[in-house]
Amino acid sequence: MSTLKISFIVLIILIAGITAVSASISVKNIAITPTGDLVSGQTPPNPVTASFVIDFNPTGGETFPSEETLTMSTDLENGQWSYITSLDGNPNPAVTANGRNLNINGWVLSYPSKRELSMRVTLNGEVPTVTASGNKTVLRVAELSGKSEALSGSEVIRQSYVINPADKSKAISEVKTSLIAFRALIDEKAQEGIETTAAMEKYSAANTAIQNAEKSTSFSSAQAYLTNAQALLKDGQKALDRAIAQQVINEAQTPIDQTDDLITYFKVNRSMGNDARLVPIIQKRDRAADLLSEANDLLPKNDFTGAKDKALQSSDMATQSYNAALVLRKEIGEANPMDSVLKGIGGIFGGAATGLGSILIYIVIIVVIAVVVVVGIILYRRRNSDWDELA
């Protein structure tokens, strides 16, 4: 026998094997009421209805294999089944059954393959009581082989999410607790002078989302609202962390500015630009400015902890520089109030004329005093003369 013939025979056998295990049913027109989530523990229990149609696909000369079983099951409580088989379009009387499971022997459904067989099924039940929210099977339909295993492709399952109301209340309570804690933190930071506007906006939006979750009758919708609220709280915390870091950065700028004022005083008012004692002060000030720049660079990266650390290091370095500048100012004493005048005169006569400027200023002071004395004497004598004429 040629290789081609052997391959062809093997292929035929494989196709026959696949056909032998192919599903004989197809489930369609499934409708479940109510749609959406189901609520457990209600009094009276909430009713649930499912309806569907099963079409039988003839295989092996039968509408349904006589050695197999059609099975239907549900997690609903107090399940009530009703099914009507139709042969060649002619419906048979309805058959009813109670319980979670309904099994129909294959021989009941086995007709010659030339016949057309279908089944319409209705299931009524109640929402099961659950201790934890989760999916429950409303409907399962399958074709069982002789080994009580569902044939591949035959199983159809429909589930609904069953809510334990206590889970919803617990979930809302947990998010509410986080919301209250966040509001307390916002108020605390506001009293410290932190800008909290952005954080408050996120807080308000989260509060609205929680209120919507409380009003929602759908657990999935409520969960979506709670998820949104948690995301808003996370964003709000990020906004608050950013504001805190920004405040630390702003505060770190103050000692730098104060040090700059003193450095300007030393250089301009006291002509100490080349004084070696000023070098370490300027070096620390510049290092503080670099650290503060690094802190600002970390803000757009949302590294608020790193930004605060850099800003605190900057503040410490700038404070050291400022304190050293204060010590230096104390060492050199207060400036002579006439220094600016002397410098002006020195500017007029040149840098070498500082001594001359000092002499001239004292001469001017003496002249002014002499003029004041002379004027005073003249006025005094004139006044006495006027009194003598009146006498």
Protein backbone atom coordinates (compact mmCIF):
# COMPACT_ATOMS: atom_id res chain seq x y z
CA MET A 1 0.00 0.00 0.00
CA SER A 2 1.36 3.35 -1.00
CA THR A 3 2.21 6.06 1.48
CA LEU A 4 -0.45 8.30 -0.05
CA LYS A 5 -3.18 5.73 0.56
CA ILE A 6 -2.06 5.18 4.16
CA SER A 7 -2.13 8.93 4.82
CA PHE A 8 -5.60 9.16 3.30
CA ILE A 9 -6.93 6.33 5.50
CA VAL A 10 -5.42 7.91 8.65
CA LEU A 11 -7.06 11.21 7.73
CA ILE A 12 -10.45 9.50 7.30
CA ILE A 13 -10.07 7.81 10.70
CA LEU A 14 -9.19 11.12 12.38
CA ILE A 15 -12.19 12.85 10.80
CA ALA A 16 -14.42 10.01 11.92
CA GLY A 17 -13.01 10.25 15.43
CA ILE A 18 -13.63 13.98 15.58
CA THR A 19 -17.16 13.49 14.30
CA ALA A 20 -17.77 10.85 16.94
CA VAL A 21 -16.96 13.23 19.79
CA SER A 22 -18.48 16.37 18.29
CA ALA A 23 -21.28 17.99 20.26
CA SER A 24 -24.79 17.04 19.24
CA ILE A 25 -26.35 20.19 20.65
CA SER A 26 -26.16 23.92 20.21
CA VAL A 27 -27.65 26.37 22.73
CA LYS A 28 -29.05 29.67 21.52
CA ASN A 29 -31.45 32.53 22.35
CA ILE A 30 -30.33 32.66 25.98
CA ALA A 31 -32.16 35.30 28.05
CA ILE A 32 -31.66 35.92 31.78
CA THR A 33 -33.81 38.23 33.90
CA PRO A 34 -32.83 40.38 35.70
CA THR A 35 -29.73 41.40 33.80
CA GLY A 36 -26.70 42.66 35.72
CA ASP A 37 -25.77 41.89 39.30
CA LEU A 38 -27.97 39.94 41.72
CA VAL A 39 -28.39 40.78 45.39
CA SER A 40 -28.24 38.05 48.00
CA GLY A 41 -30.16 37.91 51.27
CA GLN A 42 -33.23 39.88 50.21
CA THR A 43 -36.64 39.21 51.77
CA PRO A 44 -38.47 37.87 49.90
CA PRO A 45 -35.70 36.37 47.74
CA ASN A 46 -35.27 37.97 44.34
CA PRO A 47 -36.58 35.77 41.50
CA VAL A 48 -34.41 34.92 38.50
CA THR A 49 -35.62 33.55 35.16
CA ALA A 50 -33.59 32.01 32.35
CA SER A 51 -34.86 30.77 28.99
CA PHE A 52 -33.05 29.23 26.02
CA VAL A 53 -33.40 26.93 23.04
CA ILE A 54 -31.46 23.73 22.33
CA ASP A 55 -31.04 22.56 18.76
CA PHE A 56 -30.01 18.93 18.19
CA ASN A 57 -27.49 18.25 15.46
CA PRO A 58 -27.86 14.67 14.17
CA THR A 59 -24.68 12.55 14.35
CA GLY A 60 -24.17 8.85 13.76
CA GLY A 61 -27.69 8.45 12.38
CA GLU A 62 -29.38 9.84 15.53
CA THR A 63 -30.69 13.22 16.60
CA PHE A 64 -28.86 12.65 19.91
CA PRO A 65 -26.64 9.73 20.94
CA SER A 66 -28.75 7.31 22.96
CA GLU A 67 -25.82 6.36 25.21
CA GLU A 68 -25.17 9.96 26.28
CA THR A 69 -26.95 12.39 28.62
CA LEU A 70 -28.20 15.93 28.27
CA THR A 71 -27.53 17.74 31.54
CA MET A 72 -28.66 21.13 32.82
CA SER A 73 -27.80 22.69 36.19
CA THR A 74 -27.94 25.94 38.17
CA ASP A 75 -26.74 27.53 41.41
CA LEU A 76 -30.10 29.23 41.88
CA GLU A 77 -32.14 28.15 44.86
CA ASN A 78 -35.52 26.45 44.46
CA GLY A 79 -34.88 25.81 40.79
CA GLN A 80 -37.94 24.91 38.68
CA TRP A 81 -37.37 23.53 35.18
CA SER A 82 -39.85 23.33 32.34
CA TYR A 83 -38.97 22.06 28.87
CA ILE A 84 -40.87 21.35 25.68
CA THR A 85 -39.39 19.21 22.91
CA SER A 86 -40.55 19.76 19.35
CA LEU A 87 -40.21 17.02 16.75
CA ASP A 88 -40.45 18.19 13.16
CA GLY A 89 -41.94 21.44 14.46
CA ASN A 90 -44.64 19.74 16.53
CA PRO A 91 -44.37 20.54 20.26
CA ASN A 92 -44.83 17.85 22.89
CA PRO A 93 -46.41 18.48 26.29
CA ALA A 94 -44.26 20.39 28.76
CA VAL A 95 -42.16 18.43 31.24
CA THR A 96 -41.35 19.96 34.64
CA ALA A 97 -38.76 19.17 37.30
CA ASN A 98 -37.41 20.76 40.47
CA GLY A 99 -33.91 21.10 41.88
CA ARG A 100 -30.50 22.35 40.87
CA ASN A 101 -29.89 19.59 38.31
CA LEU A 102 -31.87 18.17 35.40
CA ASN A 103 -30.56 15.15 33.49
CA ILE A 104 -32.29 13.71 30.40
CA ASN A 105 -31.29 10.27 29.12
CA GLY A 106 -30.14 10.13 25.54
CA TRP A 107 -32.62 7.48 24.50
CA VAL A 108 -35.45 9.98 25.19
CA LEU A 109 -33.91 12.35 22.66
CA SER A 110 -32.72 9.78 20.15
CA TYR A 111 -34.63 9.80 16.88
CA PRO A 112 -33.53 8.95 13.34
CA SER A 113 -31.25 11.67 12.02
CA LYS A 114 -33.75 12.59 9.32
CA ARG A 115 -36.05 13.99 12.01
CA GLU A 116 -35.74 17.58 13.27
CA LEU A 117 -35.54 17.91 17.07
CA SER A 118 -35.39 21.03 19.27
CA MET A 119 -36.13 21.94 22.88
CA ARG A 120 -37.30 25.13 24.58
CA VAL A 121 -36.31 25.40 28.26
CA THR A 122 -37.42 27.77 31.01
CA LEU A 123 -35.77 27.96 34.44
CA ASN A 124 -37.14 29.83 37.43
CA GLY A 125 -35.23 30.20 40.68
CA GLU A 126 -34.12 32.52 43.45
CA VAL A 127 -30.87 34.36 44.08
CA PRO A 128 -28.67 32.11 46.23
CA THR A 129 -27.54 33.25 49.64
CA VAL A 130 -23.79 33.96 49.69
CA THR A 131 -21.34 34.91 52.41
CA ALA A 132 -18.98 36.56 49.95
CA SER A 133 -19.75 38.37 46.72
CA GLY A 134 -18.83 36.46 43.57
CA ASN A 135 -19.99 34.81 40.37
CA LYS A 136 -22.66 32.11 40.52
CA THR A 137 -23.84 29.87 37.69
CA VAL A 138 -27.34 30.73 36.57
CA LEU A 139 -27.30 28.20 33.77
CA ARG A 140 -25.13 25.31 32.61
CA VAL A 141 -25.97 23.03 29.68
CA ALA A 142 -23.73 20.20 28.50
CA GLU A 143 -23.71 16.88 26.69
CA LEU A 144 -22.24 14.13 28.85
CA SER A 145 -20.41 11.15 27.43
CA GLY A 146 -20.60 7.70 28.91
CA LYS A 147 -17.82 8.74 31.31
CA SER A 148 -19.96 11.60 32.65
CA GLU A 149 -17.61 14.12 31.09
CA ALA A 150 -18.83 17.11 29.09
CA LEU A 151 -18.04 16.74 25.43
CA SER A 152 -15.76 19.41 24.04
CA GLY A 153 -17.73 22.27 22.56
CA SER A 154 -21.03 21.20 24.13
CA GLU A 155 -20.81 23.06 27.43
CA VAL A 156 -22.52 26.45 27.76
CA ILE A 157 -22.33 28.41 31.03
CA ARG A 158 -23.90 31.73 32.01
CA GLN A 159 -23.03 33.38 35.30
CA SER A 160 -24.20 36.43 37.22
CA TYR A 161 -22.41 38.33 39.94
CA VAL A 162 -24.15 37.80 43.28
CA ILE A 163 -23.64 40.57 45.82
CA ASN A 164 -23.39 40.11 49.53
CA PRO A 165 -24.68 43.54 50.72
CA ALA A 166 -22.29 43.38 53.66
CA ASP A 167 -19.35 43.34 51.22
CA LYS A 168 -20.58 46.50 49.55
CA SER A 169 -21.03 48.25 52.89
CA LYS A 170 -17.58 47.12 54.01
CA ALA A 171 -15.95 48.30 50.79
CA ILE A 172 -17.62 51.71 51.06
CA SER A 173 -16.69 51.99 54.73
CA GLU A 174 -13.02 51.28 54.00
CA VAL A 175 -12.82 53.95 51.30
CA LYS A 176 -14.70 56.40 53.54
CA THR A 177 -12.12 55.83 56.28
CA SER A 178 -9.35 56.69 53.84
CA LEU A 179 -11.29 59.79 52.74
CA ILE A 180 -11.70 61.03 56.33
CA ALA A 181 -8.00 60.49 57.06
CA PHE A 182 -7.05 62.37 53.90
CA ARG A 183 -9.27 65.32 54.83
CA ALA A 184 -7.66 65.49 58.28
CA LEU A 185 -4.23 65.55 56.64
CA ILE A 186 -5.32 68.33 54.27
CA ASP A 187 -6.56 70.44 57.20
CA GLU A 188 -3.33 69.85 59.10
CA LYS A 189 -1.15 70.92 56.19
CA ALA A 190 -3.36 73.93 55.48
CA GLN A 191 -2.73 75.17 59.03
CA GLU A 192 0.99 74.82 58.32
CA GLY A 193 0.63 77.16 55.36
CA ILE A 194 0.75 74.47 52.67
CA GLU A 195 -1.20 75.17 49.46
CA THR A 196 -3.99 72.54 49.50
CA THR A 197 -6.29 73.66 46.69
CA ALA A 198 -5.39 70.83 44.28
CA ALA A 199 -5.65 68.22 47.03
CA MET A 200 -9.08 69.54 48.08
CA GLU A 201 -10.35 69.25 44.50
CA LYS A 202 -9.39 65.56 44.44
CA TYR A 203 -10.95 65.08 47.88
CA SER A 204 -14.26 66.57 46.73
CA ALA A 205 -14.35 64.40 43.60
CA ALA A 206 -13.60 61.28 45.67
CA ASN A 207 -16.35 62.17 48.12
CA THR A 208 -18.83 62.46 45.23
CA ALA A 209 -17.74 59.08 43.86
CA ILE A 210 -18.35 57.43 47.25
CA GLN A 211 -21.80 58.98 47.47
CA ASN A 212 -22.59 57.59 44.01
CA ALA A 213 -21.40 54.14 45.14
CA GLU A 214 -23.77 54.28 48.11
CA LYS A 215 -26.71 55.13 45.82
CA SER A 216 -25.88 52.51 43.19
CA THR A 217 -27.97 49.33 43.11
CA SER A 218 -25.39 47.58 40.93
CA PHE A 219 -22.40 46.16 42.73
CA SER A 220 -20.23 46.43 39.63
CA SER A 221 -21.19 50.10 39.28
CA ALA A 222 -20.59 50.68 42.97
CA GLN A 223 -17.23 48.99 42.70
CA ALA A 224 -16.36 51.19 39.71
CA TYR A 225 -17.23 54.29 41.73
CA LEU A 226 -15.13 53.07 44.66
CA THR A 227 -12.20 52.29 42.36
CA ASN A 228 -12.48 55.80 40.97
CA ALA A 229 -12.62 57.24 44.49
CA GLN A 230 -9.46 55.36 45.46
CA ALA A 231 -7.69 56.65 42.34
CA LEU A 232 -8.78 60.21 43.18
CA LEU A 233 -7.48 59.86 46.74
CA LYS A 234 -4.17 58.62 45.37
CA ASP A 235 -3.99 61.61 43.03
CA GLY A 236 -4.95 63.90 45.90
CA GLN A 237 -2.16 62.53 48.07
CA LYS A 238 0.25 63.10 45.20
CA ALA A 239 -0.97 66.70 44.85
CA LEU A 240 -0.53 67.24 48.58
CA ASP A 241 2.96 65.71 48.55
CA ARG A 242 3.87 68.02 45.69
CA ALA A 243 2.58 71.05 47.62
CA ILE A 244 4.52 70.03 50.73
CA ALA A 245 7.72 69.62 48.72
CA GLN A 246 7.12 72.98 47.06
CA GLN A 247 6.69 74.63 50.44
CA VAL A 248 9.98 73.19 51.71
CA ILE A 249 11.67 74.46 48.54
CA ASN A 250 10.17 77.93 49.04
CA GLU A 251 11.34 78.02 52.65
CA ALA A 252 14.85 76.93 51.62
CA GLN A 253 15.09 79.99 49.34
CA THR A 254 14.79 82.38 52.31
CA PRO A 255 18.24 81.81 53.92
CA ILE A 256 19.81 81.98 50.45
CA ASP A 257 18.22 85.38 49.85
CA GLN A 258 19.26 86.58 53.31
CA THR A 259 22.83 85.49 52.66
CA ASP A 260 22.80 87.24 49.28
CA ASP A 261 21.82 90.49 51.02
CA LEU A 262 24.75 90.22 53.41
CA ILE A 263 27.18 89.31 50.63
CA THR A 264 26.04 92.39 48.72
CA TYR A 265 26.54 94.47 51.87
CA PHE A 266 30.08 93.17 52.30
CA LYS A 267 31.02 93.76 48.68
CA VAL A 268 29.30 97.07 48.05
CA ASN A 269 29.00 98.83 51.40
CA ARG A 270 32.23 97.57 52.96
CA SER A 271 34.37 97.02 49.85
CA MET A 272 35.21 93.44 50.95
CA GLY A 273 34.99 91.78 47.55
CA ASN A 274 38.55 90.45 47.89
CA ASP A 275 38.30 89.57 51.58
CA ALA A 276 39.30 85.91 52.12
CA ARG A 277 36.78 85.58 54.94
CA LEU A 278 33.99 85.97 52.39
CA VAL A 279 35.09 82.97 50.28
CA PRO A 280 33.67 80.11 52.44
CA ILE A 281 30.44 82.04 52.90
CA ILE A 282 29.98 82.35 49.14
CA GLN A 283 30.96 78.73 48.56
CA LYS A 284 28.32 77.43 50.97
CA ARG A 285 25.76 79.79 49.52
CA ASP A 286 26.46 78.53 45.99
CA ARG A 287 26.25 74.90 47.13
CA ALA A 288 22.89 75.65 48.74
CA ALA A 289 21.64 77.16 45.48
CA ASP A 290 22.77 74.07 43.55
CA LEU A 291 20.94 71.75 45.95
CA LEU A 292 17.79 73.85 45.63
CA SER A 293 18.01 73.66 41.84
CA GLU A 294 18.26 69.87 42.09
CA ALA A 295 15.17 69.86 44.32
CA ASN A 296 13.22 71.83 41.72
CA ASP A 297 14.31 69.40 39.00
CA LEU A 298 12.84 66.46 40.94
CA LEU A 299 9.32 67.96 41.17
CA PRO A 300 8.31 67.23 37.53
CA LYS A 301 9.49 63.65 38.06
CA ASN A 302 7.07 63.28 41.00
CA ASP A 303 10.00 62.45 43.28
CA PHE A 304 8.62 64.53 46.12
CA THR A 305 10.60 62.77 48.84
CA GLY A 306 13.84 63.41 46.97
CA ALA A 307 12.83 67.03 46.34
CA LYS A 308 12.17 67.60 50.05
CA ASP A 309 15.47 65.99 51.02
CA LYS A 310 17.40 68.18 48.59
CA ALA A 311 15.55 71.28 49.76
CA LEU A 312 16.27 70.49 53.42
CA GLN A 313 19.96 69.99 52.61
CA SER A 314 19.91 73.31 50.77
CA SER A 315 18.26 75.05 53.72
CA ASP A 316 20.84 73.63 56.12
CA MET A 317 23.75 74.71 53.91
CA ALA A 318 22.27 78.18 53.33
CA THR A 319 21.65 78.62 57.06
CA GLN A 320 25.28 77.78 57.76
CA SER A 321 26.35 80.37 55.20
CA TYR A 322 23.98 82.99 56.62
CA ASN A 323 25.13 82.41 60.21
CA ALA A 324 28.77 82.70 59.11
CA ALA A 325 27.92 85.97 57.37
CA LEU A 326 26.31 87.30 60.56
CA VAL A 327 29.45 86.42 62.52
CA LEU A 328 31.61 88.22 59.96
CA ARG A 329 29.41 91.29 60.11
CA LYS A 330 29.75 91.34 63.88
CA GLU A 331 33.52 91.03 63.58
CA ILE A 332 33.90 94.03 61.28
CA GLY A 333 31.44 96.16 63.22
CA GLU A 334 28.84 98.55 61.85
CA ALA A 335 29.81 100.77 58.92
CA ASN A 336 30.58 104.51 59.44
CA PRO A 337 27.42 106.34 58.33
CA MET A 338 29.64 108.84 56.46
CA ASP A 339 31.28 106.09 54.39
CA SER A 340 28.96 106.71 51.48
CA VAL A 341 29.77 110.43 51.49
CA LEU A 342 33.48 109.73 51.71
CA LYS A 343 33.20 107.30 48.84
CA GLY A 344 31.42 109.96 46.81
CA ILE A 345 34.17 112.43 47.45
CA GLY A 346 36.73 109.76 46.77
CA GLY A 347 34.99 109.13 43.49
CA ILE A 348 35.24 112.78 42.58
CA PHE A 349 38.92 113.13 43.42
CA GLY A 350 39.98 109.62 42.50
CA GLY A 351 40.74 106.53 44.57
CA ALA A 352 43.85 108.11 46.02
CA ALA A 353 41.92 111.05 47.39
CA THR A 354 40.18 109.15 50.19
CA GLY A 355 42.33 110.83 52.84
CA LEU A 356 41.70 114.20 51.30
CA GLY A 357 38.02 113.48 51.27
CA SER A 358 38.11 112.73 54.98
CA ILE A 359 39.85 116.04 55.73
CA LEU A 360 37.45 117.99 53.56
CA ILE A 361 34.38 116.51 55.20
CA TYR A 362 35.57 117.53 58.63
CA ILE A 363 36.29 121.04 57.37
CA VAL A 364 32.78 121.22 55.96
CA ILE A 365 31.32 120.12 59.28
CA ILE A 366 33.29 122.82 61.17
CA VAL A 367 32.21 125.50 58.71
CA VAL A 368 28.57 124.48 59.03
CA ILE A 369 28.75 124.59 62.80
CA ALA A 370 30.39 128.04 62.70
CA VAL A 371 27.71 129.39 60.37
CA VAL A 372 24.97 128.07 62.62
CA VAL A 373 26.58 129.74 65.67
CA VAL A 374 26.99 133.08 63.89
CA VAL A 375 23.41 133.09 62.66
CA GLY A 376 22.23 132.24 66.12
CA ILE A 377 24.13 135.16 67.68
CA ILE A 378 22.77 137.60 65.12
CA LEU A 379 19.22 136.48 65.69
CA TYR A 380 19.63 136.69 69.45
CA ARG A 381 20.99 140.25 69.36
CA ARG A 382 18.26 141.40 66.96
CA ARG A 383 15.61 140.03 69.27
CA ASN A 384 17.06 141.83 72.32
CA SER A 385 17.20 145.08 70.35
CA ASP A 386 13.53 144.82 69.50
CA TRP A 387 12.61 144.35 73.14
CA ASP A 388 14.67 147.46 74.15
CA GLU A 389 12.79 149.67 71.64
CA LEU A 390 9.48 148.49 72.99
CA ALA A 391 10.55 149.26 76.51
